[in-house]
Amino acid sequence: MTTRTLRPALRTRLFAWLLLTAALTAPSVVRAEMSDTEAQQLLELLDEKQRAAGDFKALALIEQKEKGKNDLVYQSVVYRRDEADKLLIMFLKPQSEAGKGYLRIDENLFLYDPTVGKWERRTERERIMGTDTRRADFDESRLAREYDATYAGRESLGQFEVHHLELERKEGADVAYPVLHLWVDAETKNLLKRQDFALSGRLMRTSYYPRWTKVFSPSKGAPVYFPEEIRVFDEVQTGNRTTMAITKVDLTPLDPNIFTKAWLESKSR
């Protein structure tokens, strides 16, 4: 990944700086204006805006920074079929990781390692390739299906007016974190900030979404929104962070064989 890939324009840098600055202080509550039922509807809207309805393919560039270690840069291709809840992540670079991939089948997440030719089942807490990202960072948004929302209030996040939602895992849902806090732009209804909590209440991750864009989907008949950049900060190992840039989004139909173990295995031969 080049520096240019992860370096946004001046306006975008200002946007991100305002978000990060806001993280240093608690957002100020302006007023409450939404019921919990309406908060759940907002959650459904977040999902719907990102749902492709057909197929989704994108290049994901991931930069991992850890204290005392050299920076790591990964290049991967993400394939999704939202209607069937299918997901495949195939890694292209670095060369030592090429051919590795994650495949979700019937709510089960598997990791394939071509060096040993084996598949291993993984959990939702899996750190994708050891980075601060999780499956949900690559997959379609399924927040309303997996969580119940409570409205915490309308707040100010930097210069942005936001809706603060508190989410708790629905019974039986398999998720990485049982409690989430979301800050949604009141104007655009795009997610700006997310915090992930363990069951104990400990803050585990803080993520920022400084850039959103859209691509028209013929199969959906409407735009599909996606974050061009996600900045994930590890709140346990402070100082560690991951930046993911999503580019080259393609919504044309995919070969159904892509979402199989045999297809990923064939790419490593």
C-alpha atoms as a PDB file:
ATOM      1  CA  MET A   1       0.000   0.000   0.000  1.00  0.00           C
ATOM      2  CA  THR A   2       1.342   3.416  -0.923  1.00  0.00           C
ATOM      3  CA  THR A   3       1.142   6.453   1.283  1.00  0.00           C
ATOM      4  CA  ARG A   4      -1.194   7.967  -1.294  1.00  0.00           C
ATOM      5  CA  THR A   5      -3.659   5.131  -0.832  1.00  0.00           C
ATOM      6  CA  LEU A   6      -4.278   5.932   2.802  1.00  0.00           C
ATOM      7  CA  ARG A   7      -3.772   9.695   2.644  1.00  0.00           C
ATOM      8  CA  PRO A   8      -7.128  11.465   1.997  1.00  0.00           C
ATOM      9  CA  ALA A   9      -7.564  14.950   0.660  1.00  0.00           C
ATOM     10  CA  LEU A  10      -7.283  17.948   2.968  1.00  0.00           C
ATOM     11  CA  ARG A  11     -11.017  18.041   3.618  1.00  0.00           C
ATOM     12  CA  THR A  12     -11.044  14.384   4.542  1.00  0.00           C
ATOM     13  CA  ARG A  13      -8.034  14.811   6.860  1.00  0.00           C
ATOM     14  CA  LEU A  14      -9.862  17.648   8.612  1.00  0.00           C
ATOM     15  CA  PHE A  15     -12.943  15.430   8.954  1.00  0.00           C
ATOM     16  CA  ALA A  16     -10.898  12.610  10.459  1.00  0.00           C
ATOM     17  CA  TRP A  17      -8.980  14.985  12.726  1.00  0.00           C
ATOM     18  CA  LEU A  18     -12.223  16.353  14.125  1.00  0.00           C
ATOM     19  CA  LEU A  19     -13.461  12.839  14.841  1.00  0.00           C
ATOM     20  CA  LEU A  20     -10.239  11.804  16.552  1.00  0.00           C
ATOM     21  CA  THR A  21     -10.164  15.012  18.555  1.00  0.00           C
ATOM     22  CA  ALA A  22     -13.709  14.359  19.684  1.00  0.00           C
ATOM     23  CA  ALA A  23     -12.629  10.959  20.994  1.00  0.00           C
ATOM     24  CA  LEU A  24     -10.457  12.654  23.602  1.00  0.00           C
ATOM     25  CA  THR A  25     -13.460  14.187  25.292  1.00  0.00           C
ATOM     26  CA  ALA A  26     -16.893  12.768  26.040  1.00  0.00           C
ATOM     27  CA  PRO A  27     -19.493  13.892  23.483  1.00  0.00           C
ATOM     28  CA  SER A  28     -21.838  16.522  24.850  1.00  0.00           C
ATOM     29  CA  VAL A  29     -25.507  15.600  24.982  1.00  0.00           C
ATOM     30  CA  VAL A  30     -27.719  18.078  23.148  1.00  0.00           C
ATOM     31  CA  ARG A  31     -31.177  16.536  23.544  1.00  0.00           C
ATOM     32  CA  ALA A  32     -33.095  13.290  23.269  1.00  0.00           C
ATOM     33  CA  GLU A  33     -35.363  13.098  20.246  1.00  0.00           C
ATOM     34  CA  MET A  34     -35.798   9.454  19.287  1.00  0.00           C
ATOM     35  CA  SER A  35     -37.573   6.473  20.823  1.00  0.00           C
ATOM     36  CA  ASP A  36     -35.917   3.075  21.134  1.00  0.00           C
ATOM     37  CA  THR A  37     -38.200   1.827  18.366  1.00  0.00           C
ATOM     38  CA  GLU A  38     -36.965   4.616  16.103  1.00  0.00           C
ATOM     39  CA  ALA A  39     -33.380   3.790  17.127  1.00  0.00           C
ATOM     40  CA  GLN A  40     -33.927   0.222  15.907  1.00  0.00           C
ATOM     41  CA  GLN A  41     -35.314   1.609  12.654  1.00  0.00           C
ATOM     42  CA  LEU A  42     -32.174   3.738  12.279  1.00  0.00           C
ATOM     43  CA  LEU A  43     -30.132   0.566  12.763  1.00  0.00           C
ATOM     44  CA  GLU A  44     -32.137  -1.069   9.977  1.00  0.00           C
ATOM     45  CA  LEU A  45     -31.450   1.934   7.756  1.00  0.00           C
ATOM     46  CA  LEU A  46     -27.686   1.592   8.366  1.00  0.00           C
ATOM     47  CA  ASP A  47     -27.911  -2.025   7.225  1.00  0.00           C
ATOM     48  CA  GLU A  48     -30.077  -1.260   4.202  1.00  0.00           C
ATOM     49  CA  LYS A  49     -27.828   1.523   2.925  1.00  0.00           C
ATOM     50  CA  GLN A  50     -24.861  -0.891   2.851  1.00  0.00           C
ATOM     51  CA  ARG A  51     -26.721  -3.944   1.550  1.00  0.00           C
ATOM     52  CA  ALA A  52     -25.799  -4.730  -2.062  1.00  0.00           C
ATOM     53  CA  ALA A  53     -28.889  -6.911  -2.705  1.00  0.00           C
ATOM     54  CA  GLY A  54     -26.762  -8.671  -5.328  1.00  0.00           C
ATOM     55  CA  ASP A  55     -23.021  -9.328  -5.332  1.00  0.00           C
ATOM     56  CA  PHE A  56     -20.184  -7.176  -4.024  1.00  0.00           C
ATOM     57  CA  LYS A  57     -16.455  -7.282  -4.799  1.00  0.00           C
ATOM     58  CA  ALA A  58     -13.803  -4.869  -3.539  1.00  0.00           C
ATOM     59  CA  LEU A  59     -10.085  -4.497  -2.915  1.00  0.00           C
ATOM     60  CA  ALA A  60      -9.242  -4.079   0.767  1.00  0.00           C
ATOM     61  CA  LEU A  61      -5.835  -2.703   1.746  1.00  0.00           C
ATOM     62  CA  ILE A  62      -4.987  -3.185   5.414  1.00  0.00           C
ATOM     63  CA  GLU A  63      -2.170  -1.468   7.304  1.00  0.00           C
ATOM     64  CA  GLN A  64      -1.377  -2.801  10.778  1.00  0.00           C
ATOM     65  CA  LYS A  65       0.726  -0.812  13.249  1.00  0.00           C
ATOM     66  CA  GLU A  66       1.913  -2.419  16.488  1.00  0.00           C
ATOM     67  CA  LYS A  67       4.279  -1.144  19.149  1.00  0.00           C
ATOM     68  CA  GLY A  68       7.800  -2.491  18.739  1.00  0.00           C
ATOM     69  CA  LYS A  69       7.064  -4.159  15.388  1.00  0.00           C
ATOM     70  CA  ASN A  70       7.442  -3.262  11.734  1.00  0.00           C
ATOM     71  CA  ASP A  71       4.292  -2.070  10.023  1.00  0.00           C
ATOM     72  CA  LEU A  72       2.469  -4.769   8.059  1.00  0.00           C
ATOM     73  CA  VAL A  73       0.514  -4.157   4.868  1.00  0.00           C
ATOM     74  CA  TYR A  74      -1.954  -6.669   3.422  1.00  0.00           C
ATOM     75  CA  GLN A  75      -3.818  -6.648   0.136  1.00  0.00           C
ATOM     76  CA  SER A  76      -6.998  -8.686  -0.121  1.00  0.00           C
ATOM     77  CA  VAL A  77     -10.071  -9.126  -2.280  1.00  0.00           C
ATOM     78  CA  VAL A  78     -13.474  -9.258  -0.581  1.00  0.00           C
ATOM     79  CA  TYR A  79     -16.344 -11.135  -2.220  1.00  0.00           C
ATOM     80  CA  ARG A  80     -19.905 -10.919  -0.872  1.00  0.00           C
ATOM     81  CA  ARG A  81     -23.297 -12.258  -1.831  1.00  0.00           C
ATOM     82  CA  ASP A  82     -25.557 -10.443   0.610  1.00  0.00           C
ATOM     83  CA  GLU A  83     -28.797 -12.196  -0.315  1.00  0.00           C
ATOM     84  CA  ALA A  84     -27.255 -15.551   0.633  1.00  0.00           C
ATOM     85  CA  ASP A  85     -25.105 -14.251   3.540  1.00  0.00           C
ATOM     86  CA  LYS A  86     -21.926 -15.426   1.825  1.00  0.00           C
ATOM     87  CA  LEU A  87     -18.463 -13.943   2.322  1.00  0.00           C
ATOM     88  CA  LEU A  88     -14.958 -14.779   1.119  1.00  0.00           C
ATOM     89  CA  ILE A  89     -11.766 -12.822   1.831  1.00  0.00           C
ATOM     90  CA  MET A  90      -8.745 -13.842  -0.237  1.00  0.00           C
ATOM     91  CA  PHE A  91      -5.303 -12.406   0.522  1.00  0.00           C
ATOM     92  CA  LEU A  92      -2.959 -11.455  -2.319  1.00  0.00           C
ATOM     93  CA  LYS A  93      -0.040  -9.728  -0.565  1.00  0.00           C
ATOM     94  CA  PRO A  94       2.437  -9.977   0.996  1.00  0.00           C
ATOM     95  CA  GLN A  95       3.679 -13.003  -0.907  1.00  0.00           C
ATOM     96  CA  SER A  96       4.075 -14.975   2.326  1.00  0.00           C
ATOM     97  CA  GLU A  97       0.309 -14.695   2.940  1.00  0.00           C
ATOM     98  CA  ALA A  98      -0.914 -15.042  -0.644  1.00  0.00           C
ATOM     99  CA  GLY A  99      -3.637 -17.626  -1.044  1.00  0.00           C
ATOM    100  CA  LYS A 100      -4.827 -17.513   2.555  1.00  0.00           C
ATOM    101  CA  GLY A 101      -8.455 -16.730   2.997  1.00  0.00           C
ATOM    102  CA  TYR A 102     -11.581 -16.667   5.146  1.00  0.00           C
ATOM    103  CA  LEU A 103     -14.874 -18.211   4.063  1.00  0.00           C
ATOM    104  CA  ARG A 104     -18.205 -17.967   5.841  1.00  0.00           C
ATOM    105  CA  ILE A 105     -20.549 -20.893   5.264  1.00  0.00           C
ATOM    106  CA  ASP A 106     -23.881 -21.160   7.114  1.00  0.00           C
ATOM    107  CA  GLU A 107     -22.772 -18.811   9.915  1.00  0.00           C
ATOM    108  CA  ASN A 108     -19.464 -20.665  10.296  1.00  0.00           C
ATOM    109  CA  LEU A 109     -16.188 -18.869   9.628  1.00  0.00           C
ATOM    110  CA  PHE A 110     -13.255 -20.887   8.247  1.00  0.00           C
ATOM    111  CA  LEU A 111      -9.613 -19.982   7.602  1.00  0.00           C
ATOM    112  CA  TYR A 112      -7.692 -21.652   4.785  1.00  0.00           C
ATOM    113  CA  ASP A 113      -3.893 -21.895   4.912  1.00  0.00           C
ATOM    114  CA  PRO A 114      -2.416 -23.091   1.588  1.00  0.00           C
ATOM    115  CA  THR A 115       0.974 -23.828   3.148  1.00  0.00           C
ATOM    116  CA  VAL A 116      -0.550 -26.812   4.963  1.00  0.00           C
ATOM    117  CA  GLY A 117      -3.645 -27.259   2.795  1.00  0.00           C
ATOM    118  CA  LYS A 118      -6.025 -27.191   5.760  1.00  0.00           C
ATOM    119  CA  TRP A 119      -9.193 -25.398   6.826  1.00  0.00           C
ATOM    120  CA  GLU A 120      -9.749 -24.367  10.443  1.00  0.00           C
ATOM    121  CA  ARG A 121     -12.956 -23.088  12.000  1.00  0.00           C
ATOM    122  CA  ARG A 122     -12.673 -19.645  13.576  1.00  0.00           C
ATOM    123  CA  THR A 123     -14.853 -17.611  15.923  1.00  0.00           C
ATOM    124  CA  GLU A 124     -16.329 -14.140  15.497  1.00  0.00           C
ATOM    125  CA  ARG A 125     -13.552 -12.823  17.756  1.00  0.00           C
ATOM    126  CA  GLU A 126     -10.959 -13.875  15.181  1.00  0.00           C
ATOM    127  CA  ARG A 127      -8.440 -11.110  14.462  1.00  0.00           C
ATOM    128  CA  ILE A 128      -8.323 -11.185  10.669  1.00  0.00           C
ATOM    129  CA  MET A 129      -4.705 -12.002   9.779  1.00  0.00           C
ATOM    130  CA  GLY A 130      -3.711 -10.890  13.272  1.00  0.00           C
ATOM    131  CA  THR A 131      -4.851  -7.294  12.671  1.00  0.00           C
ATOM    132  CA  ASP A 132      -7.378  -5.306  14.703  1.00  0.00           C
ATOM    133  CA  THR A 133     -10.103  -6.063  12.137  1.00  0.00           C
ATOM    134  CA  ARG A 134     -12.877  -8.634  12.564  1.00  0.00           C
ATOM    135  CA  ARG A 135     -15.204 -10.454  10.164  1.00  0.00           C
ATOM    136  CA  ALA A 136     -17.890  -7.784  10.551  1.00  0.00           C
ATOM    137  CA  ASP A 137     -15.526  -5.105   9.193  1.00  0.00           C
ATOM    138  CA  PHE A 138     -15.554  -6.864   5.805  1.00  0.00           C
ATOM    139  CA  ASP A 139     -19.050  -8.331   5.758  1.00  0.00           C
ATOM    140  CA  GLU A 140     -22.455  -6.810   5.034  1.00  0.00           C
ATOM    141  CA  SER A 141     -23.897  -4.804   7.895  1.00  0.00           C
ATOM    142  CA  ARG A 142     -26.256  -6.990   9.957  1.00  0.00           C
ATOM    143  CA  LEU A 143     -26.594  -4.823  13.051  1.00  0.00           C
ATOM    144  CA  ALA A 144     -30.396  -4.842  13.248  1.00  0.00           C
ATOM    145  CA  ARG A 145     -30.435  -8.625  12.928  1.00  0.00           C
ATOM    146  CA  GLU A 146     -27.841  -9.157  15.655  1.00  0.00           C
ATOM    147  CA  TYR A 147     -28.479  -6.322  18.141  1.00  0.00           C
ATOM    148  CA  ASP A 148     -31.266  -4.467  19.948  1.00  0.00           C
ATOM    149  CA  ALA A 149     -30.842  -0.700  20.007  1.00  0.00           C
ATOM    150  CA  THR A 150     -31.473   1.808  22.798  1.00  0.00           C
ATOM    151  CA  TYR A 151     -31.398   5.518  22.093  1.00  0.00           C
ATOM    152  CA  ALA A 152     -28.808   7.293  24.250  1.00  0.00           C
ATOM    153  CA  GLY A 153     -29.389  10.809  22.938  1.00  0.00           C
ATOM    154  CA  ARG A 154     -28.542  13.362  20.300  1.00  0.00           C
ATOM    155  CA  GLU A 155     -24.980  14.551  20.842  1.00  0.00           C
ATOM    156  CA  SER A 156     -22.195  16.618  19.359  1.00  0.00           C
ATOM    157  CA  LEU A 157     -19.170  14.725  18.030  1.00  0.00           C
ATOM    158  CA  GLY A 158     -16.689  17.402  17.072  1.00  0.00           C
ATOM    159  CA  GLN A 159     -18.636  19.619  14.671  1.00  0.00           C
ATOM    160  CA  PHE A 160     -21.103  16.872  13.796  1.00  0.00           C
ATOM    161  CA  GLU A 161     -24.560  16.341  15.260  1.00  0.00           C
ATOM    162  CA  VAL A 162     -24.960  12.618  15.901  1.00  0.00           C
ATOM    163  CA  HIS A 163     -27.400  10.057  17.222  1.00  0.00           C
ATOM    164  CA  HIS A 164     -25.806   7.938  19.951  1.00  0.00           C
ATOM    165  CA  LEU A 165     -27.135   4.372  20.011  1.00  0.00           C
ATOM    166  CA  GLU A 166     -26.370   1.675  22.574  1.00  0.00           C
ATOM    167  CA  LEU A 167     -26.624  -1.882  21.233  1.00  0.00           C
ATOM    168  CA  GLU A 168     -26.933  -5.198  23.066  1.00  0.00           C
ATOM    169  CA  ARG A 169     -26.543  -8.582  21.410  1.00  0.00           C
ATOM    170  CA  LYS A 170     -29.771 -10.409  20.669  1.00  0.00           C
ATOM    171  CA  GLU A 171     -30.186 -13.802  22.287  1.00  0.00           C
ATOM    172  CA  GLY A 172     -28.531 -16.470  20.173  1.00  0.00           C
ATOM    173  CA  ALA A 173     -26.603 -14.039  17.934  1.00  0.00           C
ATOM    174  CA  ASP A 174     -22.963 -15.014  17.356  1.00  0.00           C
ATOM    175  CA  VAL A 175     -21.024 -11.738  17.402  1.00  0.00           C
ATOM    176  CA  ALA A 176     -17.533 -10.602  18.295  1.00  0.00           C
ATOM    177  CA  TYR A 177     -18.723  -8.137  20.941  1.00  0.00           C
ATOM    178  CA  PRO A 178     -21.969  -8.251  22.971  1.00  0.00           C
ATOM    179  CA  VAL A 179     -22.243  -4.491  23.469  1.00  0.00           C
ATOM    180  CA  LEU A 180     -21.693  -1.712  20.928  1.00  0.00           C
ATOM    181  CA  HIS A 181     -22.002   2.047  20.990  1.00  0.00           C
ATOM    182  CA  LEU A 182     -22.612   3.807  17.675  1.00  0.00           C
ATOM    183  CA  TRP A 183     -22.504   7.483  16.720  1.00  0.00           C
ATOM    184  CA  VAL A 184     -24.495   8.110  13.531  1.00  0.00           C
ATOM    185  CA  ASP A 185     -24.387  11.375  11.584  1.00  0.00           C
ATOM    186  CA  ALA A 186     -27.805  12.979  12.063  1.00  0.00           C
ATOM    187  CA  GLU A 187     -27.694  14.503   8.574  1.00  0.00           C
ATOM    188  CA  THR A 188     -26.336  11.723   6.348  1.00  0.00           C
ATOM    189  CA  LYS A 189     -27.280   8.738   8.553  1.00  0.00           C
ATOM    190  CA  ASN A 190     -23.777   7.338   8.035  1.00  0.00           C
ATOM    191  CA  LEU A 191     -21.835   5.741  10.870  1.00  0.00           C
ATOM    192  CA  LEU A 192     -19.007   7.963  12.141  1.00  0.00           C
ATOM    193  CA  LYS A 193     -17.786   6.197  15.272  1.00  0.00           C
ATOM    194  CA  ARG A 194     -18.188   2.772  16.872  1.00  0.00           C
ATOM    195  CA  GLN A 195     -17.016   1.344  20.178  1.00  0.00           C
ATOM    196  CA  ASP A 196     -16.944  -2.389  20.945  1.00  0.00           C
ATOM    197  CA  PHE A 197     -17.271  -3.633  24.535  1.00  0.00           C
ATOM    198  CA  ALA A 198     -16.718  -6.987  26.214  1.00  0.00           C
ATOM    199  CA  LEU A 199     -19.436  -8.468  28.422  1.00  0.00           C
ATOM    200  CA  SER A 200     -17.528  -7.164  31.448  1.00  0.00           C
ATOM    201  CA  GLY A 201     -18.000  -3.621  30.152  1.00  0.00           C
ATOM    202  CA  ARG A 202     -14.373  -3.189  29.119  1.00  0.00           C
ATOM    203  CA  LEU A 203     -13.818  -1.117  25.999  1.00  0.00           C
ATOM    204  CA  MET A 204     -12.006  -3.271  23.428  1.00  0.00           C
ATOM    205  CA  ARG A 205     -11.938  -1.275  20.186  1.00  0.00           C
ATOM    206  CA  THR A 206     -12.781   2.170  18.885  1.00  0.00           C
ATOM    207  CA  SER A 207     -13.368   2.584  15.147  1.00  0.00           C
ATOM    208  CA  TYR A 208     -13.801   5.704  13.007  1.00  0.00           C
ATOM    209  CA  TYR A 209     -15.387   5.940   9.562  1.00  0.00           C
ATOM    210  CA  PRO A 210     -14.140   9.254   8.113  1.00  0.00           C
ATOM    211  CA  ARG A 211     -15.087   8.601   4.473  1.00  0.00           C
ATOM    212  CA  TRP A 212     -18.208   7.142   2.919  1.00  0.00           C
ATOM    213  CA  THR A 213     -19.050   6.826  -0.753  1.00  0.00           C
ATOM    214  CA  LYS A 214     -21.731   5.166  -2.858  1.00  0.00           C
ATOM    215  CA  VAL A 215     -22.026   3.073  -6.002  1.00  0.00           C
ATOM    216  CA  PHE A 216     -25.275   2.541  -7.869  1.00  0.00           C
ATOM    217  CA  SER A 217     -26.444  -1.069  -7.793  1.00  0.00           C
ATOM    218  CA  PRO A 218     -28.561  -2.182 -10.800  1.00  0.00           C
ATOM    219  CA  SER A 219     -29.780  -5.246  -8.905  1.00  0.00           C
ATOM    220  CA  LYS A 220     -30.902  -3.105  -5.962  1.00  0.00           C
ATOM    221  CA  GLY A 221     -32.065  -0.176  -8.049  1.00  0.00           C
ATOM    222  CA  ALA A 222     -30.481   2.154  -5.518  1.00  0.00           C
ATOM    223  CA  PRO A 223     -27.045   3.253  -4.276  1.00  0.00           C
ATOM    224  CA  VAL A 224     -24.946   1.006  -2.054  1.00  0.00           C
ATOM    225  CA  TYR A 225     -22.928   2.899   0.561  1.00  0.00           C
ATOM    226  CA  PHE A 226     -19.596   1.690   1.879  1.00  0.00           C
ATOM    227  CA  PRO A 227     -16.811   3.177   4.050  1.00  0.00           C
ATOM    228  CA  GLU A 228     -13.769   4.020   1.956  1.00  0.00           C
ATOM    229  CA  GLU A 229     -11.694   3.992   5.119  1.00  0.00           C
ATOM    230  CA  ILE A 230     -11.981   2.431   8.577  1.00  0.00           C
ATOM    231  CA  ARG A 231      -9.564   3.336  11.358  1.00  0.00           C
ATOM    232  CA  VAL A 232      -9.535   0.817  14.204  1.00  0.00           C
ATOM    233  CA  PHE A 233      -7.799   1.571  17.513  1.00  0.00           C
ATOM    234  CA  ASP A 234      -6.975  -1.230  19.938  1.00  0.00           C
ATOM    235  CA  GLU A 235      -8.109  -0.104  23.401  1.00  0.00           C
ATOM    236  CA  VAL A 236      -6.450  -3.058  25.174  1.00  0.00           C
ATOM    237  CA  GLN A 237      -3.019  -2.880  23.548  1.00  0.00           C
ATOM    238  CA  THR A 238      -2.951   0.910  23.389  1.00  0.00           C
ATOM    239  CA  GLY A 239      -0.887   2.279  20.536  1.00  0.00           C
ATOM    240  CA  ASN A 240      -1.846  -0.525  18.169  1.00  0.00           C
ATOM    241  CA  ARG A 241      -4.098   0.417  15.288  1.00  0.00           C
ATOM    242  CA  THR A 242      -5.279  -0.783  11.904  1.00  0.00           C
ATOM    243  CA  THR A 243      -6.355   1.232   8.886  1.00  0.00           C
ATOM    244  CA  MET A 244      -8.383  -0.391   6.120  1.00  0.00           C
ATOM    245  CA  ALA A 245      -8.991   1.270   2.747  1.00  0.00           C
ATOM    246  CA  ILE A 246     -11.712  -0.155   0.489  1.00  0.00           C
ATOM    247  CA  THR A 247     -11.379   0.532  -3.231  1.00  0.00           C
ATOM    248  CA  LYS A 248     -12.390  -0.783  -6.665  1.00  0.00           C
ATOM    249  CA  VAL A 249     -15.915  -1.736  -5.661  1.00  0.00           C
ATOM    250  CA  ASP A 250     -17.681  -3.853  -8.293  1.00  0.00           C
ATOM    251  CA  LEU A 251     -21.367  -4.831  -8.028  1.00  0.00           C
ATOM    252  CA  THR A 252     -21.610  -7.038 -11.115  1.00  0.00           C
ATOM    253  CA  PRO A 253     -22.706 -10.690 -10.617  1.00  0.00           C
ATOM    254  CA  LEU A 254     -20.045 -13.120  -9.373  1.00  0.00           C
ATOM    255  CA  ASP A 255     -19.424 -16.750 -10.209  1.00  0.00           C
ATOM    256  CA  PRO A 256     -21.291 -18.763  -7.519  1.00  0.00           C
ATOM    257  CA  ASN A 257     -18.306 -21.139  -7.303  1.00  0.00           C
ATOM    258  CA  ILE A 258     -16.313 -18.347  -5.653  1.00  0.00           C
ATOM    259  CA  PHE A 259     -18.071 -19.014  -2.360  1.00  0.00           C
ATOM    260  CA  THR A 260     -16.723 -22.543  -1.995  1.00  0.00           C
ATOM    261  CA  LYS A 261     -13.692 -24.143  -0.387  1.00  0.00           C
ATOM    262  CA  ALA A 262     -12.715 -25.696  -3.730  1.00  0.00           C
ATOM    263  CA  TRP A 263     -12.513 -22.293  -5.439  1.00  0.00           C
ATOM    264  CA  LEU A 264     -10.144 -20.787  -2.873  1.00  0.00           C
ATOM    265  CA  GLU A 265      -8.023 -23.935  -2.840  1.00  0.00           C
ATOM    266  CA  SER A 266      -7.708 -23.764  -6.638  1.00  0.00           C
ATOM    267  CA  LYS A 267      -6.207 -20.263  -6.397  1.00  0.00           C
ATOM    268  CA  SER A 268      -3.274 -21.606  -4.386  1.00  0.00           C
ATOM    269  CA  ARG A 269      -2.246 -24.401  -6.730  1.00  0.00           C
END
